[in-house]
Structure formats: structure tokens, C-alpha cells
Amino acid sequence: MTTVYDVPPDKLTKSVGEKLKKNKAISMPKWSMDVKKGASKELPPVDKDWWWVRCASVLRQIYINGPVGVSRLCTYYGSRVRRGAKRERFRAASGKIIREALSQLEQAEYVTKTKKGRKISPKGQSFLNDAAHELKVAQEQIKDVVEETAGVTNGE
């Protein structure tokens, strides 16, 4: 059984983001193209699909660290703020983005609310595991093709 732990996180979040984009319950809010991801950022996101990638990343973090709250996720996505001549300081990410993403993931029934925070639902767990399995199968196919072409070029 392939799980989230068996595949690279960056590739998983991109593939899950593509699947979330097709889901009607998860949509990019109107304000999301004009907002920064946190106090440490200078510009809004450049990637057009950043909302779905962030939702996929939040879903993965809940799967791995579950039950978590908004504050802990803000700390995870935060980074250092450049303050000119002064030393850099850590600042948390935008809570509005994370709250909205969690709200949409709850509407899609991938996440449930508990007393201690948000927790992955069985539907969300199977969704992520299926995506991880598809990604692992695709990686193995690419690996096989690369090995075959390497054998042909070496004269075997």
C-alpha cells in the first residue's frame, strides 16, 4: 500500500493540486490574486494555480501532523522577514488563506473538525493515498523507460 510518506512531497502536492482544481467545492477566492501569502512576502504569488497547491499542501500537513489548528499551520508556512539593516525575524503566514483553505477542504469532506483541531477524514486519507499510488506508479514507469534507453545507448 502506497502512502503519502512514499513519494516526494513537492510532486505529490502538485499532482493533488491538479486534482483539487477539478473539484467543485474548492475554488480560488476573488481576493486571492491580490493578497500576499504572509508578512514576509513582498509580492502576491506569481503562479496562477497557487491556491490549489496550497490547499493540497495543507491537506498533506493535516495528514502527517494531524489534528492541527490554524496557528500551527501559520507557523509552518511562515518565514523570515527582511527588515533592512536590522536582523531578520520570523513572521507567521497569512491566517485568512489557511482558514479559507481549511473551510473549503471541510466542504469537500477531506477534513473534519475536532476539539484539538482539524483532522484528516477517511475520504481525504484515501484521496491522498490514491494520488500517492498514482504518482509512484508513474515514477516507476519513467524509471523503467530510462533504464531501457540507457541499455540501448550502452550497446546491450
N, C-alpha and C. Protein backbone atom coordinates (compact mmCIF):
# COMPACT_ATOMS: atom_id res chain seq x y z
N MET A 1 0.84 -1.19 0.00
CA MET A 1 0.00 0.00 0.00
C MET A 1 0.88 1.24 0.00
N THR A 2 0.71 2.07 -0.97
CA THR A 2 1.48 3.31 -1.06
C THR A 2 0.80 4.41 -0.26
N THR A 3 1.59 5.14 0.51
CA THR A 3 1.06 6.25 1.31
C THR A 3 1.77 7.54 0.94
N VAL A 4 1.41 8.60 1.60
CA VAL A 4 1.98 9.93 1.38
C VAL A 4 3.48 9.93 1.69
N TYR A 5 3.90 9.08 2.59
CA TYR A 5 5.30 9.05 3.02
C TYR A 5 6.23 8.44 1.96
N ASP A 6 5.68 7.75 0.98
CA ASP A 6 6.47 7.01 0.00
C ASP A 6 6.84 7.80 -1.25
N VAL A 7 6.32 9.02 -1.40
CA VAL A 7 6.57 9.82 -2.61
C VAL A 7 7.12 11.19 -2.22
N PRO A 8 7.81 11.87 -3.14
CA PRO A 8 8.33 13.21 -2.85
C PRO A 8 7.19 14.20 -2.61
N PRO A 9 7.30 15.03 -1.56
CA PRO A 9 6.20 15.93 -1.21
C PRO A 9 5.89 16.98 -2.28
N ASP A 10 6.91 17.51 -2.95
CA ASP A 10 6.65 18.56 -3.94
C ASP A 10 5.86 18.03 -5.13
N LYS A 11 6.19 16.83 -5.58
CA LYS A 11 5.46 16.24 -6.70
C LYS A 11 4.05 15.84 -6.29
N LEU A 12 3.91 15.37 -5.05
CA LEU A 12 2.59 14.98 -4.55
C LEU A 12 1.66 16.19 -4.47
N THR A 13 2.16 17.31 -3.91
CA THR A 13 1.29 18.48 -3.75
C THR A 13 0.88 19.04 -5.11
N LYS A 14 1.77 18.99 -6.10
CA LYS A 14 1.39 19.48 -7.43
C LYS A 14 0.34 18.59 -8.07
N SER A 15 0.49 17.27 -7.95
CA SER A 15 -0.49 16.37 -8.57
C SER A 15 -1.83 16.43 -7.82
N VAL A 16 -1.79 16.54 -6.49
CA VAL A 16 -3.04 16.66 -5.72
C VAL A 16 -3.69 18.00 -6.02
N GLY A 17 -2.88 19.05 -6.20
CA GLY A 17 -3.42 20.36 -6.55
C GLY A 17 -4.18 20.32 -7.87
N GLU A 18 -3.66 19.58 -8.84
CA GLU A 18 -4.35 19.44 -10.13
C GLU A 18 -5.69 18.72 -9.95
N LYS A 19 -5.72 17.74 -9.07
CA LYS A 19 -6.98 17.01 -8.82
C LYS A 19 -7.98 17.89 -8.06
N LEU A 20 -7.47 18.70 -7.12
CA LEU A 20 -8.35 19.59 -6.36
C LEU A 20 -8.94 20.67 -7.26
N LYS A 21 -8.20 21.04 -8.30
CA LYS A 21 -8.68 22.06 -9.22
C LYS A 21 -9.96 21.59 -9.93
N LYS A 22 -10.09 20.29 -10.12
CA LYS A 22 -11.27 19.73 -10.78
C LYS A 22 -12.45 19.60 -9.82
N ASN A 23 -12.20 19.69 -8.52
CA ASN A 23 -13.25 19.56 -7.51
C ASN A 23 -14.04 20.87 -7.43
N LYS A 24 -15.34 20.79 -7.46
CA LYS A 24 -16.20 21.99 -7.44
C LYS A 24 -16.20 22.68 -6.08
N ALA A 25 -15.95 21.94 -4.99
CA ALA A 25 -16.01 22.51 -3.65
C ALA A 25 -14.81 23.41 -3.36
N ILE A 26 -13.73 23.25 -4.11
CA ILE A 26 -12.52 24.03 -3.86
C ILE A 26 -12.30 24.97 -5.04
N SER A 27 -12.46 26.25 -4.75
CA SER A 27 -12.30 27.26 -5.80
C SER A 27 -11.48 28.43 -5.26
N MET A 28 -10.81 29.12 -6.16
CA MET A 28 -9.97 30.24 -5.77
C MET A 28 -10.86 31.45 -5.45
N PRO A 29 -10.72 32.03 -4.25
CA PRO A 29 -11.49 33.23 -3.92
C PRO A 29 -11.08 34.42 -4.80
N LYS A 30 -11.98 35.40 -4.92
CA LYS A 30 -11.70 36.57 -5.75
C LYS A 30 -10.49 37.35 -5.24
N TRP A 31 -10.34 37.43 -3.94
CA TRP A 31 -9.27 38.23 -3.35
C TRP A 31 -7.91 37.56 -3.42
N SER A 32 -7.83 36.31 -3.83
CA SER A 32 -6.60 35.54 -3.71
C SER A 32 -5.49 35.96 -4.67
N MET A 33 -5.81 36.64 -5.77
CA MET A 33 -4.74 37.05 -6.69
C MET A 33 -4.10 38.37 -6.27
N ASP A 34 -4.73 39.08 -5.33
CA ASP A 34 -4.20 40.37 -4.89
C ASP A 34 -3.54 40.31 -3.52
N VAL A 35 -3.57 39.16 -2.87
CA VAL A 35 -3.10 39.05 -1.50
C VAL A 35 -1.71 38.41 -1.45
N LYS A 36 -0.93 38.82 -0.44
CA LYS A 36 0.37 38.18 -0.21
C LYS A 36 0.14 36.94 0.64
N LYS A 37 1.05 35.99 0.59
CA LYS A 37 0.90 34.76 1.37
C LYS A 37 1.28 34.96 2.83
N GLY A 38 1.94 36.07 3.14
CA GLY A 38 2.33 36.34 4.52
C GLY A 38 3.05 37.67 4.63
N ALA A 39 3.35 38.07 5.87
CA ALA A 39 4.02 39.34 6.11
C ALA A 39 5.44 39.35 5.57
N SER A 40 6.02 38.18 5.41
CA SER A 40 7.40 38.09 4.95
C SER A 40 7.53 38.20 3.44
N LYS A 41 6.43 38.20 2.73
CA LYS A 41 6.46 38.27 1.27
C LYS A 41 6.32 39.72 0.82
N GLU A 42 6.94 40.03 -0.33
CA GLU A 42 6.86 41.38 -0.87
C GLU A 42 5.82 41.51 -1.96
N LEU A 43 5.55 40.42 -2.68
CA LEU A 43 4.62 40.45 -3.80
C LEU A 43 3.59 39.32 -3.69
N PRO A 44 2.46 39.48 -4.39
CA PRO A 44 1.50 38.37 -4.45
C PRO A 44 2.10 37.18 -5.20
N PRO A 45 1.51 36.01 -5.09
CA PRO A 45 2.04 34.83 -5.78
C PRO A 45 2.03 35.00 -7.30
N VAL A 46 3.04 34.45 -7.96
CA VAL A 46 3.16 34.54 -9.41
C VAL A 46 2.42 33.39 -10.08
N ASP A 47 2.44 32.22 -9.47
CA ASP A 47 1.81 31.02 -10.03
C ASP A 47 0.28 31.18 -10.03
N LYS A 48 -0.34 30.91 -11.15
CA LYS A 48 -1.81 31.03 -11.26
C LYS A 48 -2.54 29.96 -10.45
N ASP A 49 -1.89 28.80 -10.26
CA ASP A 49 -2.53 27.68 -9.55
C ASP A 49 -2.08 27.58 -8.10
N TRP A 50 -1.60 28.66 -7.53
CA TRP A 50 -1.04 28.58 -6.18
C TRP A 50 -2.11 28.20 -5.16
N TRP A 51 -3.35 28.56 -5.35
CA TRP A 51 -4.39 28.27 -4.35
C TRP A 51 -4.58 26.76 -4.17
N TRP A 52 -4.63 26.04 -5.28
CA TRP A 52 -4.86 24.60 -5.20
C TRP A 52 -3.63 23.87 -4.67
N VAL A 53 -2.47 24.38 -4.98
CA VAL A 53 -1.23 23.79 -4.44
C VAL A 53 -1.19 24.00 -2.93
N ARG A 54 -1.59 25.21 -2.46
CA ARG A 54 -1.61 25.46 -1.01
C ARG A 54 -2.64 24.58 -0.33
N CYS A 55 -3.81 24.40 -0.93
CA CYS A 55 -4.83 23.52 -0.35
C CYS A 55 -4.31 22.09 -0.27
N ALA A 56 -3.62 21.64 -1.31
CA ALA A 56 -3.05 20.30 -1.30
C ALA A 56 -1.98 20.17 -0.22
N SER A 57 -1.17 21.20 -0.06
CA SER A 57 -0.13 21.18 0.97
C SER A 57 -0.73 21.17 2.37
N VAL A 58 -1.78 21.95 2.57
CA VAL A 58 -2.47 21.96 3.87
C VAL A 58 -3.06 20.59 4.16
N LEU A 59 -3.65 19.98 3.15
CA LEU A 59 -4.22 18.64 3.31
C LEU A 59 -3.14 17.62 3.68
N ARG A 60 -1.99 17.73 3.04
CA ARG A 60 -0.86 16.84 3.34
C ARG A 60 -0.35 17.06 4.76
N GLN A 61 -0.25 18.32 5.19
CA GLN A 61 0.21 18.61 6.55
C GLN A 61 -0.75 18.07 7.60
N ILE A 62 -2.03 18.15 7.33
CA ILE A 62 -3.02 17.60 8.27
C ILE A 62 -2.91 16.08 8.31
N TYR A 63 -2.66 15.47 7.16
CA TYR A 63 -2.48 14.02 7.08
C TYR A 63 -1.29 13.60 7.94
N ILE A 64 -0.18 14.31 7.82
CA ILE A 64 1.06 13.93 8.51
C ILE A 64 1.03 14.30 9.98
N ASN A 65 0.63 15.52 10.31
CA ASN A 65 0.74 16.03 11.68
C ASN A 65 -0.56 16.02 12.46
N GLY A 66 -1.64 15.59 11.85
CA GLY A 66 -2.99 15.74 12.28
C GLY A 66 -3.31 15.65 13.73
N PRO A 67 -4.18 16.00 14.46
CA PRO A 67 -5.01 17.20 14.39
C PRO A 67 -4.16 18.47 14.59
N VAL A 68 -4.33 19.43 13.72
CA VAL A 68 -3.61 20.70 13.80
C VAL A 68 -4.60 21.84 13.68
N GLY A 69 -4.18 22.99 14.20
CA GLY A 69 -5.00 24.19 14.12
C GLY A 69 -4.43 25.20 13.15
N VAL A 70 -5.13 26.30 13.01
CA VAL A 70 -4.72 27.35 12.09
C VAL A 70 -3.39 27.96 12.53
N SER A 71 -3.21 28.16 13.81
CA SER A 71 -1.99 28.79 14.32
C SER A 71 -0.75 27.95 13.98
N ARG A 72 -0.86 26.66 14.15
CA ARG A 72 0.28 25.79 13.87
C ARG A 72 0.59 25.75 12.37
N LEU A 73 -0.44 25.79 11.54
CA LEU A 73 -0.22 25.83 10.10
C LEU A 73 0.37 27.17 9.67
N CYS A 74 -0.06 28.27 10.32
CA CYS A 74 0.53 29.58 10.02
C CYS A 74 2.02 29.57 10.36
N THR A 75 2.39 28.93 11.43
CA THR A 75 3.80 28.83 11.80
C THR A 75 4.55 27.98 10.78
N TYR A 76 3.94 26.91 10.31
CA TYR A 76 4.60 26.06 9.32
C TYR A 76 4.88 26.81 8.02
N TYR A 77 3.92 27.58 7.56
CA TYR A 77 4.06 28.29 6.29
C TYR A 77 4.74 29.65 6.42
N GLY A 78 5.06 30.07 7.63
CA GLY A 78 5.73 31.35 7.83
C GLY A 78 7.18 31.32 7.41
N SER A 79 7.81 32.50 7.38
CA SER A 79 9.22 32.60 7.02
C SER A 79 9.81 33.88 7.60
N ARG A 80 11.09 34.13 7.30
CA ARG A 80 11.78 35.28 7.85
C ARG A 80 11.43 36.56 7.09
N VAL A 81 11.31 37.66 7.84
CA VAL A 81 11.02 38.96 7.26
C VAL A 81 12.31 39.74 7.14
N ARG A 82 12.53 40.31 5.98
CA ARG A 82 13.68 41.19 5.79
C ARG A 82 13.32 42.55 6.35
N ARG A 83 14.18 43.09 7.22
CA ARG A 83 13.86 44.36 7.89
C ARG A 83 14.93 45.42 7.63
N GLY A 84 15.54 45.38 6.49
CA GLY A 84 16.56 46.37 6.16
C GLY A 84 17.86 46.07 6.87
N ALA A 85 18.39 47.04 7.61
CA ALA A 85 19.67 46.87 8.29
C ALA A 85 19.55 46.03 9.56
N LYS A 86 18.32 45.88 10.06
CA LYS A 86 18.12 45.10 11.28
C LYS A 86 18.13 43.61 10.96
N ARG A 87 18.27 42.80 12.00
CA ARG A 87 18.26 41.35 11.83
C ARG A 87 16.89 40.87 11.35
N GLU A 88 16.90 39.77 10.64
CA GLU A 88 15.65 39.18 10.18
C GLU A 88 14.89 38.59 11.36
N ARG A 89 13.57 38.55 11.22
CA ARG A 89 12.71 37.95 12.25
C ARG A 89 11.70 37.03 11.58
N PHE A 90 11.24 36.06 12.36
CA PHE A 90 10.24 35.13 11.84
C PHE A 90 8.86 35.77 11.93
N ARG A 91 8.07 35.59 10.89
CA ARG A 91 6.68 36.01 10.87
C ARG A 91 5.83 34.86 10.35
N ALA A 92 4.67 34.69 10.95
CA ALA A 92 3.75 33.63 10.54
C ALA A 92 3.11 33.99 9.21
N ALA A 93 2.61 32.98 8.52
CA ALA A 93 1.92 33.18 7.25
C ALA A 93 0.53 33.74 7.49
N SER A 94 -0.14 34.07 6.41
CA SER A 94 -1.48 34.64 6.49
C SER A 94 -2.49 33.61 6.99
N GLY A 95 -3.21 33.96 8.05
CA GLY A 95 -4.20 33.06 8.62
C GLY A 95 -5.47 32.98 7.79
N LYS A 96 -5.81 34.05 7.10
CA LYS A 96 -7.01 34.08 6.27
C LYS A 96 -6.93 33.03 5.16
N ILE A 97 -5.77 32.92 4.54
CA ILE A 97 -5.59 31.94 3.47
C ILE A 97 -5.78 30.53 4.01
N ILE A 98 -5.19 30.25 5.16
CA ILE A 98 -5.27 28.91 5.74
C ILE A 98 -6.69 28.61 6.22
N ARG A 99 -7.36 29.59 6.84
CA ARG A 99 -8.74 29.38 7.27
C ARG A 99 -9.66 29.10 6.09
N GLU A 100 -9.50 29.85 5.02
CA GLU A 100 -10.33 29.64 3.83
C GLU A 100 -10.05 28.28 3.19
N ALA A 101 -8.78 27.89 3.13
CA ALA A 101 -8.42 26.58 2.57
C ALA A 101 -9.02 25.46 3.43
N LEU A 102 -8.93 25.60 4.74
CA LEU A 102 -9.50 24.59 5.63
C LEU A 102 -11.02 24.52 5.47
N SER A 103 -11.65 25.66 5.33
CA SER A 103 -13.10 25.70 5.15
C SER A 103 -13.50 24.96 3.87
N GLN A 104 -12.77 25.20 2.79
CA GLN A 104 -13.08 24.53 1.54
C GLN A 104 -12.79 23.02 1.61
N LEU A 105 -11.71 22.65 2.30
CA LEU A 105 -11.41 21.23 2.46
C LEU A 105 -12.46 20.53 3.31
N GLU A 106 -13.03 21.24 4.28
CA GLU A 106 -14.12 20.68 5.08
C GLU A 106 -15.37 20.50 4.23
N GLN A 107 -15.67 21.46 3.36
CA GLN A 107 -16.83 21.35 2.48
C GLN A 107 -16.68 20.18 1.51
N ALA A 108 -15.44 19.92 1.10
CA ALA A 108 -15.18 18.79 0.20
C ALA A 108 -15.12 17.47 0.96
N GLU A 109 -15.24 17.52 2.29
CA GLU A 109 -15.23 16.37 3.18
C GLU A 109 -13.89 15.64 3.22
N TYR A 110 -12.80 16.36 3.00
CA TYR A 110 -11.46 15.79 3.13
C TYR A 110 -10.91 15.98 4.55
N VAL A 111 -11.48 16.94 5.28
CA VAL A 111 -11.00 17.28 6.62
C VAL A 111 -12.21 17.37 7.54
N THR A 112 -12.03 16.94 8.80
CA THR A 112 -13.08 17.09 9.80
C THR A 112 -12.56 17.91 10.96
N LYS A 113 -13.47 18.55 11.67
CA LYS A 113 -13.12 19.39 12.80
C LYS A 113 -13.26 18.58 14.09
N THR A 114 -12.27 18.68 14.97
CA THR A 114 -12.33 18.04 16.29
C THR A 114 -12.06 19.10 17.35
N LYS A 115 -12.07 18.70 18.62
CA LYS A 115 -11.77 19.64 19.69
C LYS A 115 -10.33 20.14 19.64
N LYS A 116 -9.41 19.29 19.19
CA LYS A 116 -7.99 19.65 19.17
C LYS A 116 -7.55 20.30 17.87
N GLY A 117 -8.42 20.39 16.87
CA GLY A 117 -8.07 20.99 15.59
C GLY A 117 -8.65 20.22 14.44
N ARG A 118 -8.10 20.44 13.25
CA ARG A 118 -8.58 19.72 12.07
C ARG A 118 -7.84 18.40 11.92
N LYS A 119 -8.59 17.40 11.47
CA LYS A 119 -8.06 16.06 11.31
C LYS A 119 -8.49 15.54 9.94
N ILE A 120 -7.67 14.70 9.35
CA ILE A 120 -7.98 14.15 8.02
C ILE A 120 -9.14 13.16 8.14
N SER A 121 -10.05 13.23 7.21
CA SER A 121 -11.18 12.30 7.20
C SER A 121 -10.78 11.04 6.43
N PRO A 122 -11.53 9.97 6.56
CA PRO A 122 -11.21 8.77 5.78
C PRO A 122 -11.23 9.03 4.27
N LYS A 123 -12.15 9.89 3.82
CA LYS A 123 -12.22 10.24 2.40
C LYS A 123 -10.96 10.98 1.97
N GLY A 124 -10.49 11.91 2.81
CA GLY A 124 -9.27 12.65 2.50
C GLY A 124 -8.04 11.76 2.52
N GLN A 125 -8.00 10.83 3.47
CA GLN A 125 -6.87 9.91 3.56
C GLN A 125 -6.79 9.02 2.33
N SER A 126 -7.92 8.48 1.89
CA SER A 126 -7.91 7.63 0.70
C SER A 126 -7.60 8.45 -0.55
N PHE A 127 -8.06 9.71 -0.60
CA PHE A 127 -7.76 10.59 -1.72
C PHE A 127 -6.25 10.81 -1.85
N LEU A 128 -5.60 11.13 -0.74
CA LEU A 128 -4.15 11.35 -0.76
C LEU A 128 -3.38 10.06 -1.05
N ASN A 129 -3.80 8.95 -0.47
CA ASN A 129 -3.13 7.68 -0.73
C ASN A 129 -3.27 7.25 -2.18
N ASP A 130 -4.45 7.47 -2.78
CA ASP A 130 -4.63 7.14 -4.19
C ASP A 130 -3.74 8.00 -5.08
N ALA A 131 -3.65 9.30 -4.75
CA ALA A 131 -2.79 10.19 -5.52
C ALA A 131 -1.32 9.78 -5.39
N ALA A 132 -0.92 9.38 -4.18
CA ALA A 132 0.46 8.93 -3.96
C ALA A 132 0.73 7.65 -4.75
N HIS A 133 -0.25 6.75 -4.78
CA HIS A 133 -0.08 5.49 -5.53
C HIS A 133 0.08 5.77 -7.03
N GLU A 134 -0.77 6.66 -7.56
CA GLU A 134 -0.67 7.00 -8.99
C GLU A 134 0.69 7.62 -9.30
N LEU A 135 1.16 8.48 -8.43
CA LEU A 135 2.46 9.13 -8.62
C LEU A 135 3.60 8.12 -8.57
N LYS A 136 3.52 7.18 -7.65
CA LYS A 136 4.57 6.16 -7.53
C LYS A 136 4.59 5.26 -8.77
N VAL A 137 3.43 4.88 -9.27
CA VAL A 137 3.36 4.05 -10.48
C VAL A 137 3.95 4.81 -11.67
N ALA A 138 3.62 6.10 -11.78
CA ALA A 138 4.15 6.91 -12.88
C ALA A 138 5.67 7.03 -12.77
N GLN A 139 6.20 7.19 -11.56
CA GLN A 139 7.64 7.29 -11.37
C GLN A 139 8.34 5.99 -11.75
N GLU A 140 7.73 4.87 -11.39
CA GLU A 140 8.32 3.57 -11.74
C GLU A 140 8.33 3.35 -13.25
N GLN A 141 7.28 3.79 -13.93
CA GLN A 141 7.24 3.66 -15.38
C GLN A 141 8.32 4.52 -16.03
N ILE A 142 8.52 5.72 -15.53
CA ILE A 142 9.57 6.59 -16.06
C ILE A 142 10.94 5.98 -15.80
N LYS A 143 11.11 5.41 -14.63
CA LYS A 143 12.38 4.77 -14.28
C LYS A 143 12.68 3.59 -15.22
N ASP A 144 11.65 2.79 -15.52
CA ASP A 144 11.83 1.66 -16.43
C ASP A 144 12.21 2.12 -17.83
N VAL A 145 11.57 3.18 -18.31
CA VAL A 145 11.87 3.71 -19.64
C VAL A 145 13.30 4.24 -19.70
N VAL A 146 13.73 4.93 -18.65
CA VAL A 146 15.09 5.47 -18.60
C VAL A 146 16.11 4.33 -18.60
N GLU A 147 15.85 3.27 -17.85
CA GLU A 147 16.76 2.13 -17.81
C GLU A 147 16.83 1.44 -19.17
N GLU A 148 15.69 1.33 -19.86
CA GLU A 148 15.67 0.70 -21.18
C GLU A 148 16.47 1.53 -22.19
N THR A 149 16.29 2.84 -22.16
CA THR A 149 17.03 3.69 -23.10
C THR A 149 18.50 3.72 -22.77
N ALA A 150 18.84 3.63 -21.49
CA ALA A 150 20.26 3.58 -21.11
C ALA A 150 20.89 2.28 -21.59
N GLY A 151 20.14 1.19 -21.54
CA GLY A 151 20.65 -0.10 -22.04
C GLY A 151 20.83 -0.08 -23.54
N VAL A 152 19.97 0.60 -24.27
CA VAL A 152 20.08 0.67 -25.72
C VAL A 152 21.29 1.52 -26.12
N THR A 153 21.51 2.63 -25.43
CA THR A 153 22.63 3.51 -25.78
C THR A 153 23.97 2.91 -25.39
N ASN A 154 23.99 2.03 -24.40
CA ASN A 154 25.25 1.39 -23.99
C ASN A 154 25.61 0.22 -24.91
N GLY A 155 24.73 -0.15 -25.80
CA GLY A 155 25.03 -1.23 -26.75
C GLY A 155 24.69 -2.60 -26.25
N GLU A 156 23.85 -2.71 -25.27
CA GLU A 156 23.48 -4.05 -24.73
C GLU A 156 22.44 -4.71 -25.59
